[in-house]
Amino acid sequence: MSTVVEATDVDGEDPFEGERIEVDDDALRQVSPGAWLGGLASRLDDVATSFIYGDR
């Protein structure tokens, strides 16, 4: 990423300087489709494993 920043940095300003938009991890997990699908995939995997191998 630093190479891209150096290539686009024409003013000599630091792109990481100043205010940032920060999102709380918990809030991001609530709205992130990747987090929802990851949890769903994990549960489906657990069900399939339990079905195939029985309860351990």
N, C-alpha and C. Protein backbone atom coordinates (compact mmCIF):
# COMPACT_ATOMS: atom_id res chain seq x y z
N MET A 1 0.82 -1.19 0.00
CA MET A 1 0.00 0.00 0.00
C MET A 1 0.86 1.25 0.00
N SER A 2 2.02 1.20 0.61
CA SER A 2 2.85 2.40 0.66
C SER A 2 3.29 2.82 -0.74
N THR A 3 3.48 1.88 -1.65
CA THR A 3 3.86 2.23 -3.02
C THR A 3 2.74 3.01 -3.70
N VAL A 4 1.51 2.58 -3.51
CA VAL A 4 0.38 3.29 -4.09
C VAL A 4 0.27 4.68 -3.49
N VAL A 5 0.46 4.78 -2.19
CA VAL A 5 0.39 6.08 -1.52
C VAL A 5 1.49 6.99 -2.04
N GLU A 6 2.69 6.46 -2.20
CA GLU A 6 3.79 7.27 -2.70
C GLU A 6 3.52 7.73 -4.13
N ALA A 7 2.91 6.87 -4.95
CA ALA A 7 2.63 7.22 -6.34
C ALA A 7 1.55 8.29 -6.45
N THR A 8 0.61 8.30 -5.53
CA THR A 8 -0.48 9.27 -5.59
C THR A 8 -0.24 10.50 -4.72
N ASP A 9 0.82 10.50 -3.97
CA ASP A 9 1.11 11.60 -3.05
C ASP A 9 1.87 12.69 -3.80
N VAL A 10 1.13 13.62 -4.39
CA VAL A 10 1.77 14.68 -5.16
C VAL A 10 1.96 15.96 -4.35
N ASP A 11 1.17 16.15 -3.31
CA ASP A 11 1.25 17.38 -2.52
C ASP A 11 2.26 17.28 -1.38
N GLY A 12 2.71 16.08 -1.07
CA GLY A 12 3.58 15.90 0.07
C GLY A 12 2.80 15.76 1.37
N GLU A 13 1.46 15.66 1.27
CA GLU A 13 0.63 15.51 2.46
C GLU A 13 0.54 14.04 2.84
N ASP A 14 0.41 13.78 4.12
CA ASP A 14 0.26 12.42 4.62
C ASP A 14 -1.21 12.02 4.52
N PRO A 15 -1.54 10.98 3.75
CA PRO A 15 -2.95 10.58 3.60
C PRO A 15 -3.54 9.98 4.87
N PHE A 16 -2.68 9.58 5.80
CA PHE A 16 -3.15 8.99 7.05
C PHE A 16 -3.32 10.04 8.14
N GLU A 17 -3.05 11.27 7.83
CA GLU A 17 -3.15 12.35 8.81
C GLU A 17 -4.58 12.89 8.82
N GLY A 18 -5.04 13.35 9.96
CA GLY A 18 -6.37 13.95 10.05
C GLY A 18 -7.40 13.00 10.62
N GLU A 19 -8.67 13.38 10.46
CA GLU A 19 -9.76 12.60 11.03
C GLU A 19 -9.98 11.32 10.24
N ARG A 20 -10.49 10.33 10.95
CA ARG A 20 -10.78 9.03 10.34
C ARG A 20 -12.21 8.63 10.64
N ILE A 21 -12.74 7.80 9.77
CA ILE A 21 -14.04 7.20 10.03
C ILE A 21 -13.76 5.84 10.66
N GLU A 22 -14.17 5.68 11.89
CA GLU A 22 -13.94 4.42 12.58
C GLU A 22 -15.28 3.80 12.95
N VAL A 23 -15.37 2.50 12.74
CA VAL A 23 -16.60 1.76 13.01
C VAL A 23 -16.30 0.74 14.09
N ASP A 24 -17.16 0.67 15.08
CA ASP A 24 -17.03 -0.29 16.16
C ASP A 24 -17.14 -1.71 15.60
N ASP A 25 -16.29 -2.63 16.08
CA ASP A 25 -16.29 -4.01 15.59
C ASP A 25 -17.65 -4.68 15.73
N ASP A 26 -18.29 -4.49 16.87
CA ASP A 26 -19.60 -5.12 17.09
C ASP A 26 -20.65 -4.60 16.12
N ALA A 27 -20.64 -3.30 15.87
CA ALA A 27 -21.60 -2.71 14.94
C ALA A 27 -21.35 -3.22 13.52
N LEU A 28 -20.09 -3.37 13.15
CA LEU A 28 -19.76 -3.86 11.83
C LEU A 28 -20.21 -5.31 11.64
N ARG A 29 -20.05 -6.12 12.65
CA ARG A 29 -20.47 -7.52 12.56
C ARG A 29 -21.98 -7.65 12.41
N GLN A 30 -22.73 -6.72 12.99
CA GLN A 30 -24.19 -6.78 12.91
C GLN A 30 -24.70 -6.51 11.50
N VAL A 31 -24.01 -5.68 10.74
CA VAL A 31 -24.49 -5.30 9.42
C VAL A 31 -23.70 -5.93 8.27
N SER A 32 -22.62 -6.62 8.58
CA SER A 32 -21.76 -7.18 7.55
C SER A 32 -22.31 -8.50 7.01
N PRO A 33 -22.59 -8.58 5.71
CA PRO A 33 -23.06 -9.85 5.15
C PRO A 33 -22.02 -10.96 5.30
N GLY A 34 -20.76 -10.61 5.23
CA GLY A 34 -19.70 -11.60 5.39
C GLY A 34 -19.73 -12.24 6.76
N ALA A 35 -19.99 -11.46 7.78
CA ALA A 35 -20.07 -12.00 9.14
C ALA A 35 -21.29 -12.90 9.28
N TRP A 36 -22.41 -12.51 8.68
CA TRP A 36 -23.62 -13.33 8.75
C TRP A 36 -23.41 -14.65 8.03
N LEU A 37 -22.87 -14.58 6.82
CA LEU A 37 -22.67 -15.80 6.03
C LEU A 37 -21.59 -16.68 6.64
N GLY A 38 -20.57 -16.08 7.25
CA GLY A 38 -19.54 -16.86 7.91
C GLY A 38 -20.12 -17.64 9.08
N GLY A 39 -20.99 -17.02 9.85
CA GLY A 39 -21.64 -17.71 10.96
C GLY A 39 -22.57 -18.81 10.47
N LEU A 40 -23.27 -18.54 9.37
CA LEU A 40 -24.18 -19.52 8.79
C LEU A 40 -23.39 -20.72 8.27
N ALA A 41 -22.29 -20.47 7.60
CA ALA A 41 -21.46 -21.55 7.07
C ALA A 41 -20.91 -22.40 8.19
N SER A 42 -20.52 -21.77 9.27
CA SER A 42 -20.00 -22.51 10.43
C SER A 42 -21.08 -23.41 11.04
N ARG A 43 -22.29 -22.88 11.16
CA ARG A 43 -23.39 -23.68 11.72
C ARG A 43 -23.77 -24.84 10.80
N LEU A 44 -23.80 -24.58 9.48
CA LEU A 44 -24.09 -25.65 8.53
C LEU A 44 -23.02 -26.73 8.58
N ASP A 45 -21.78 -26.33 8.72
CA ASP A 45 -20.69 -27.29 8.83
C ASP A 45 -20.84 -28.14 10.09
N ASP A 46 -21.21 -27.51 11.18
CA ASP A 46 -21.43 -28.25 12.43
C ASP A 46 -22.56 -29.26 12.29
N VAL A 47 -23.65 -28.85 11.64
CA VAL A 47 -24.79 -29.75 11.44
C VAL A 47 -24.40 -30.92 10.54
N ALA A 48 -23.70 -30.63 9.45
CA ALA A 48 -23.29 -31.69 8.54
C ALA A 48 -22.31 -32.66 9.22
N THR A 49 -21.39 -32.15 9.99
CA THR A 49 -20.44 -33.00 10.71
C THR A 49 -21.17 -33.87 11.71
N SER A 50 -22.12 -33.30 12.42
CA SER A 50 -22.91 -34.06 13.39
C SER A 50 -23.74 -35.13 12.69
N PHE A 51 -24.30 -34.82 11.53
CA PHE A 51 -25.11 -35.78 10.78
C PHE A 51 -24.26 -36.95 10.29
N ILE A 52 -23.07 -36.64 9.77
CA ILE A 52 -22.21 -37.67 9.20
C ILE A 52 -21.54 -38.53 10.28
N TYR A 53 -20.99 -37.89 11.28
CA TYR A 53 -20.22 -38.61 12.29
C TYR A 53 -21.00 -38.89 13.57
N GLY A 54 -22.17 -38.33 13.70
CA GLY A 54 -22.95 -38.50 14.93
C GLY A 54 -22.42 -37.56 16.00
N ASP A 55 -23.09 -37.51 17.11
CA ASP A 55 -22.65 -36.66 18.22
C ASP A 55 -21.40 -37.25 18.83
N ARG A 56 -20.46 -36.41 19.07
CA ARG A 56 -19.18 -36.86 19.65
C ARG A 56 -19.18 -36.61 21.12
